[in-house]
């Protein structure tokens, strides 16, 4: 059986929904927080080890 929400939790959800609607009207979610065009230099990238390619032994 599904657990019933307490009245306090239900009120909290209503408040969060109202706050989010207000933010949408103000333009908070207009695409400003999208992925970067250029990747950050701080991101870790694993370097490839020197492995022979399949065509190197020719």
PDB file of N, CA and C in Angstrom:
ATOM      1  N   UNK A   1       0.818  -1.175   0.000  1.00  0.00           N
ATOM      2  CA  UNK A   1       0.000   0.000   0.000  1.00  0.00           C
ATOM      3  C   UNK A   1       0.870   1.251   0.000  1.00  0.00           C
ATOM      4  N   UNK A   2       0.386   2.260  -0.698  1.00  0.00           N
ATOM      5  CA  UNK A   2       1.149   3.496  -0.783  1.00  0.00           C
ATOM      6  C   UNK A   2       1.004   4.290   0.516  1.00  0.00           C
ATOM      7  N   UNK A   3       2.097   4.857   0.954  1.00  0.00           N
ATOM      8  CA  UNK A   3       2.108   5.623   2.186  1.00  0.00           C
ATOM      9  C   UNK A   3       1.453   6.986   1.959  1.00  0.00           C
ATOM     10  N   UNK A   4       0.638   7.437   2.891  1.00  0.00           N
ATOM     11  CA  UNK A   4      -0.016   8.738   2.775  1.00  0.00           C
ATOM     12  C   UNK A   4       0.959   9.825   3.206  1.00  0.00           C
ATOM     13  N   UNK A   5       0.886  10.956   2.525  1.00  0.00           N
ATOM     14  CA  UNK A   5       1.725  12.090   2.896  1.00  0.00           C
ATOM     15  C   UNK A   5       1.135  12.787   4.111  1.00  0.00           C
ATOM     16  N   UNK A   6       1.986  13.252   4.954  1.00  0.00           N
ATOM     17  CA  UNK A   6       1.503  14.046   6.072  1.00  0.00           C
ATOM     18  C   UNK A   6       1.065  15.404   5.537  1.00  0.00           C
ATOM     19  N   UNK A   7       0.294  16.109   6.293  1.00  0.00           N
ATOM     20  CA  UNK A   7      -0.187  17.415   5.839  1.00  0.00           C
ATOM     21  C   UNK A   7       0.985  18.383   5.653  1.00  0.00           C
ATOM     22  N   UNK A   8       2.005  18.229   6.477  1.00  0.00           N
ATOM     23  CA  UNK A   8       3.180  19.096   6.383  1.00  0.00           C
ATOM     24  C   UNK A   8       3.918  18.854   5.063  1.00  0.00           C
ATOM     25  N   UNK A   9       4.059  17.588   4.665  1.00  0.00           N
ATOM     26  CA  UNK A   9       4.742  17.251   3.417  1.00  0.00           C
ATOM     27  C   UNK A   9       3.936  17.722   2.218  1.00  0.00           C
ATOM     28  N   UNK A  10       2.612  17.591   2.293  1.00  0.00           N
ATOM     29  CA  UNK A  10       1.761  18.037   1.197  1.00  0.00           C
ATOM     30  C   UNK A  10       1.868  19.556   1.016  1.00  0.00           C
ATOM     31  N   UNK A  11       1.874  20.285   2.116  1.00  0.00           N
ATOM     32  CA  UNK A  11       2.014  21.744   2.042  1.00  0.00           C
ATOM     33  C   UNK A  11       3.374  22.131   1.470  1.00  0.00           C
ATOM     34  N   UNK A  12       4.403  21.377   1.850  1.00  0.00           N
ATOM     35  CA  UNK A  12       5.753  21.655   1.348  1.00  0.00           C
ATOM     36  C   UNK A  12       5.806  21.469  -0.168  1.00  0.00           C
ATOM     37  N   UNK A  13       5.175  20.402  -0.669  1.00  0.00           N
ATOM     38  CA  UNK A  13       5.144  20.162  -2.113  1.00  0.00           C
ATOM     39  C   UNK A  13       4.401  21.274  -2.848  1.00  0.00           C
ATOM     40  N   UNK A  14       3.286  21.734  -2.268  1.00  0.00           N
ATOM     41  CA  UNK A  14       2.543  22.829  -2.885  1.00  0.00           C
ATOM     42  C   UNK A  14       3.387  24.094  -2.958  1.00  0.00           C
ATOM     43  N   UNK A  15       4.132  24.369  -1.881  1.00  0.00           N
ATOM     44  CA  UNK A  15       4.984  25.562  -1.855  1.00  0.00           C
ATOM     45  C   UNK A  15       6.098  25.446  -2.891  1.00  0.00           C
ATOM     46  N   UNK A  16       6.709  24.274  -2.997  1.00  0.00           N
ATOM     47  CA  UNK A  16       7.779  24.088  -3.978  1.00  0.00           C
ATOM     48  C   UNK A  16       7.257  24.268  -5.394  1.00  0.00           C
ATOM     49  N   UNK A  17       6.072  23.734  -5.662  1.00  0.00           N
ATOM     50  CA  UNK A  17       5.479  23.886  -6.987  1.00  0.00           C
ATOM     51  C   UNK A  17       5.193  25.331  -7.321  1.00  0.00           C
ATOM     52  N   UNK A  18       4.682  26.077  -6.338  1.00  0.00           N
ATOM     53  CA  UNK A  18       4.389  27.494  -6.554  1.00  0.00           C
ATOM     54  C   UNK A  18       5.682  28.268  -6.799  1.00  0.00           C
ATOM     55  N   UNK A  19       6.728  27.956  -6.030  1.00  0.00           N
ATOM     56  CA  UNK A  19       8.018  28.632  -6.217  1.00  0.00           C
ATOM     57  C   UNK A  19       8.583  28.355  -7.605  1.00  0.00           C
ATOM     58  N   UNK A  20       8.451  27.124  -8.057  1.00  0.00           N
ATOM     59  CA  UNK A  20       8.973  26.756  -9.372  1.00  0.00           C
ATOM     60  C   UNK A  20       8.201  27.457 -10.489  1.00  0.00           C
ATOM     61  N   UNK A  21       6.885  27.547 -10.338  1.00  0.00           N
ATOM     62  CA  UNK A  21       6.085  28.266 -11.332  1.00  0.00           C
ATOM     63  C   UNK A  21       6.492  29.731 -11.405  1.00  0.00           C
ATOM     64  N   UNK A  22       6.740  30.332 -10.246  1.00  0.00           N
ATOM     65  CA  UNK A  22       7.174  31.731 -10.218  1.00  0.00           C
ATOM     66  C   UNK A  22       8.526  31.885 -10.913  1.00  0.00           C
ATOM     67  N   UNK A  23       9.424  30.935 -10.693  1.00  0.00           N
ATOM     68  CA  UNK A  23      10.737  30.990 -11.331  1.00  0.00           C
ATOM     69  C   UNK A  23      10.614  30.842 -12.838  1.00  0.00           C
ATOM     70  N   UNK A  24       9.704  29.968 -13.305  1.00  0.00           N
ATOM     71  CA  UNK A  24       9.499  29.798 -14.741  1.00  0.00           C
ATOM     72  C   UNK A  24       9.020  31.095 -15.373  1.00  0.00           C
ATOM     73  N   UNK A  25       8.120  31.795 -14.685  1.00  0.00           N
ATOM     74  CA  UNK A  25       7.620  33.066 -15.199  1.00  0.00           C
ATOM     75  C   UNK A  25       8.731  34.103 -15.289  1.00  0.00           C
ATOM     76  N   UNK A  26       9.688  34.045 -14.377  1.00  0.00           N
ATOM     77  CA  UNK A  26      10.787  34.996 -14.362  1.00  0.00           C
ATOM     78  C   UNK A  26      11.881  34.621 -15.355  1.00  0.00           C
ATOM     79  N   UNK A  27      11.794  33.421 -15.946  1.00  0.00           N
ATOM     80  CA  UNK A  27      12.766  33.029 -16.961  1.00  0.00           C
ATOM     81  C   UNK A  27      13.948  32.248 -16.445  1.00  0.00           C
ATOM     82  N   UNK A  28      13.819  31.627 -15.291  1.00  0.00           N
ATOM     83  CA  UNK A  28      14.937  30.856 -14.741  1.00  0.00           C
ATOM     84  C   UNK A  28      15.302  29.656 -15.605  1.00  0.00           C
ATOM     85  N   UNK A  29      14.325  29.039 -16.239  1.00  0.00           N
ATOM     86  CA  UNK A  29      14.555  27.789 -16.953  1.00  0.00           C
ATOM     87  C   UNK A  29      14.484  28.017 -18.458  1.00  0.00           C
ATOM     88  N   UNK A  30      15.204  29.023 -18.955  1.00  0.00           N
ATOM     89  CA  UNK A  30      15.143  29.369 -20.369  1.00  0.00           C
ATOM     90  C   UNK A  30      16.325  28.831 -21.162  1.00  0.00           C
ATOM     91  N   UNK A  31      17.035  27.867 -20.628  1.00  0.00           N
ATOM     92  CA  UNK A  31      18.140  27.256 -21.353  1.00  0.00           C
ATOM     93  C   UNK A  31      19.496  27.844 -21.021  1.00  0.00           C
ATOM     94  N   UNK A  32      19.567  28.632 -19.975  1.00  0.00           N
ATOM     95  CA  UNK A  32      20.873  29.202 -19.616  1.00  0.00           C
ATOM     96  C   UNK A  32      21.794  28.168 -19.005  1.00  0.00           C
ATOM     97  N   UNK A  33      21.236  27.101 -18.478  1.00  0.00           N
ATOM     98  CA  UNK A  33      22.051  26.105 -17.798  1.00  0.00           C
ATOM     99  C   UNK A  33      22.172  24.863 -18.678  1.00  0.00           C
ATOM    100  N   UNK A  34      22.818  25.016 -19.810  1.00  0.00           N
ATOM    101  CA  UNK A  34      23.021  23.914 -20.739  1.00  0.00           C
ATOM    102  C   UNK A  34      24.482  23.506 -20.687  1.00  0.00           C
ATOM    103  N   UNK A  35      24.815  22.414 -21.372  1.00  0.00           N
ATOM    104  CA  UNK A  35      26.202  21.957 -21.371  1.00  0.00           C
ATOM    105  C   UNK A  35      27.104  23.002 -22.002  1.00  0.00           C
ATOM    106  N   UNK A  36      28.329  23.001 -21.595  1.00  0.00           N
ATOM    107  CA  UNK A  36      29.303  23.956 -22.111  1.00  0.00           C
ATOM    108  C   UNK A  36      29.600  23.674 -23.576  1.00  0.00           C
ATOM    109  N   UNK A  37      29.876  24.735 -24.318  1.00  0.00           N
ATOM    110  CA  UNK A  37      30.249  24.575 -25.718  1.00  0.00           C
ATOM    111  C   UNK A  37      31.641  23.958 -25.803  1.00  0.00           C
ATOM    112  N   UNK A  38      32.510  24.348 -24.897  1.00  0.00           N
ATOM    113  CA  UNK A  38      33.856  23.785 -24.846  1.00  0.00           C
ATOM    114  C   UNK A  38      33.988  23.021 -23.537  1.00  0.00           C
ATOM    115  N   UNK A  39      34.530  21.819 -23.583  1.00  0.00           N
ATOM    116  CA  UNK A  39      34.667  21.058 -22.329  1.00  0.00           C
ATOM    117  C   UNK A  39      35.657  21.737 -21.380  1.00  0.00           C
ATOM    118  N   UNK A  40      35.393  21.601 -20.110  1.00  0.00           N
ATOM    119  CA  UNK A  40      36.256  22.190 -19.107  1.00  0.00           C
ATOM    120  C   UNK A  40      37.616  21.496 -19.106  1.00  0.00           C
ATOM    121  N   UNK A  41      38.658  22.254 -18.840  1.00  0.00           N
ATOM    122  CA  UNK A  41      39.997  21.664 -18.785  1.00  0.00           C
ATOM    123  C   UNK A  41      40.196  20.863 -17.496  1.00  0.00           C
ATOM    124  N   UNK A  42      39.327  21.055 -16.539  1.00  0.00           N
ATOM    125  CA  UNK A  42      39.467  20.365 -15.261  1.00  0.00           C
ATOM    126  C   UNK A  42      38.931  18.939 -15.314  1.00  0.00           C
ATOM    127  N   UNK A  43      38.180  18.593 -16.350  1.00  0.00           N
ATOM    128  CA  UNK A  43      37.625  17.255 -16.436  1.00  0.00           C
ATOM    129  C   UNK A  43      38.738  16.241 -16.661  1.00  0.00           C
ATOM    130  N   UNK A  44      38.624  15.100 -16.014  1.00  0.00           N
ATOM    131  CA  UNK A  44      39.625  14.049 -16.133  1.00  0.00           C
ATOM    132  C   UNK A  44      39.370  13.248 -17.393  1.00  0.00           C
ATOM    133  N   UNK A  45      40.402  13.089 -18.193  1.00  0.00           N
ATOM    134  CA  UNK A  45      40.302  12.224 -19.366  1.00  0.00           C
ATOM    135  C   UNK A  45      41.432  11.213 -19.283  1.00  0.00           C
ATOM    136  N   UNK A  46      41.100   9.972 -19.456  1.00  0.00           N
ATOM    137  CA  UNK A  46      42.091   8.911 -19.364  1.00  0.00           C
ATOM    138  C   UNK A  46      42.870   8.861 -20.667  1.00  0.00           C
ATOM    139  N   UNK A  47      44.181   8.919 -20.577  1.00  0.00           N
ATOM    140  CA  UNK A  47      45.026   8.867 -21.763  1.00  0.00           C
ATOM    141  C   UNK A  47      45.130   7.430 -22.255  1.00  0.00           C
ATOM    142  N   UNK A  48      45.149   7.248 -23.553  1.00  0.00           N
ATOM    143  CA  UNK A  48      45.274   5.921 -24.141  1.00  0.00           C
ATOM    144  C   UNK A  48      46.704   5.432 -23.972  1.00  0.00           C
ATOM    145  N   UNK A  49      46.840   4.174 -23.646  1.00  0.00           N
ATOM    146  CA  UNK A  49      48.181   3.583 -23.569  1.00  0.00           C
ATOM    147  C   UNK A  49      48.661   3.299 -24.984  1.00  0.00           C
ATOM    148  N   UNK A  50      49.948   3.186 -25.135  1.00  0.00           N
ATOM    149  CA  UNK A  50      50.521   2.905 -26.454  1.00  0.00           C
ATOM    150  C   UNK A  50      50.291   1.441 -26.797  1.00  0.00           C
ATOM    151  N   UNK A  51      49.264   1.206 -27.563  1.00  0.00           N
ATOM    152  CA  UNK A  51      48.963  -0.149 -28.006  1.00  0.00           C
ATOM    153  C   UNK A  51      49.185  -0.208 -29.510  1.00  0.00           C
ATOM    154  N   UNK A  52      49.769  -1.281 -30.001  1.00  0.00           N
ATOM    155  CA  UNK A  52      49.976  -1.354 -31.450  1.00  0.00           C
ATOM    156  C   UNK A  52      48.639  -1.427 -32.181  1.00  0.00           C
ATOM    157  N   UNK A  53      48.560  -0.689 -33.277  1.00  0.00           N
ATOM    158  CA  UNK A  53      47.360  -0.749 -34.103  1.00  0.00           C
ATOM    159  C   UNK A  53      47.362  -2.019 -34.905  1.00  0.00           C
ATOM    160  N   UNK A  54      46.227  -2.376 -35.436  1.00  0.00           N
ATOM    161  CA  UNK A  54      46.107  -3.628 -36.175  1.00  0.00           C
ATOM    162  C   UNK A  54      46.958  -3.625 -37.453  1.00  0.00           C
ATOM    163  N   UNK A  55      47.150  -2.472 -38.064  1.00  0.00           N
ATOM    164  CA  UNK A  55      47.875  -2.382 -39.338  1.00  0.00           C
ATOM    165  C   UNK A  55      49.350  -2.015 -39.167  1.00  0.00           C
ATOM    166  N   UNK A  56      49.854  -1.935 -37.944  1.00  0.00           N
ATOM    167  CA  UNK A  56      51.240  -1.535 -37.713  1.00  0.00           C
ATOM    168  C   UNK A  56      52.252  -2.631 -38.085  1.00  0.00           C
ATOM    169  N   UNK A  57      51.861  -3.890 -38.054  1.00  0.00           N
ATOM    170  CA  UNK A  57      52.834  -4.951 -38.285  1.00  0.00           C
ATOM    171  C   UNK A  57      53.077  -5.217 -39.771  1.00  0.00           C
ATOM    172  N   UNK A  58      52.505  -4.445 -40.655  1.00  0.00           N
ATOM    173  CA  UNK A  58      52.754  -4.623 -42.098  1.00  0.00           C
ATOM    174  C   UNK A  58      54.079  -4.062 -42.536  1.00  0.00           C
TER     175      UNK A  58
END
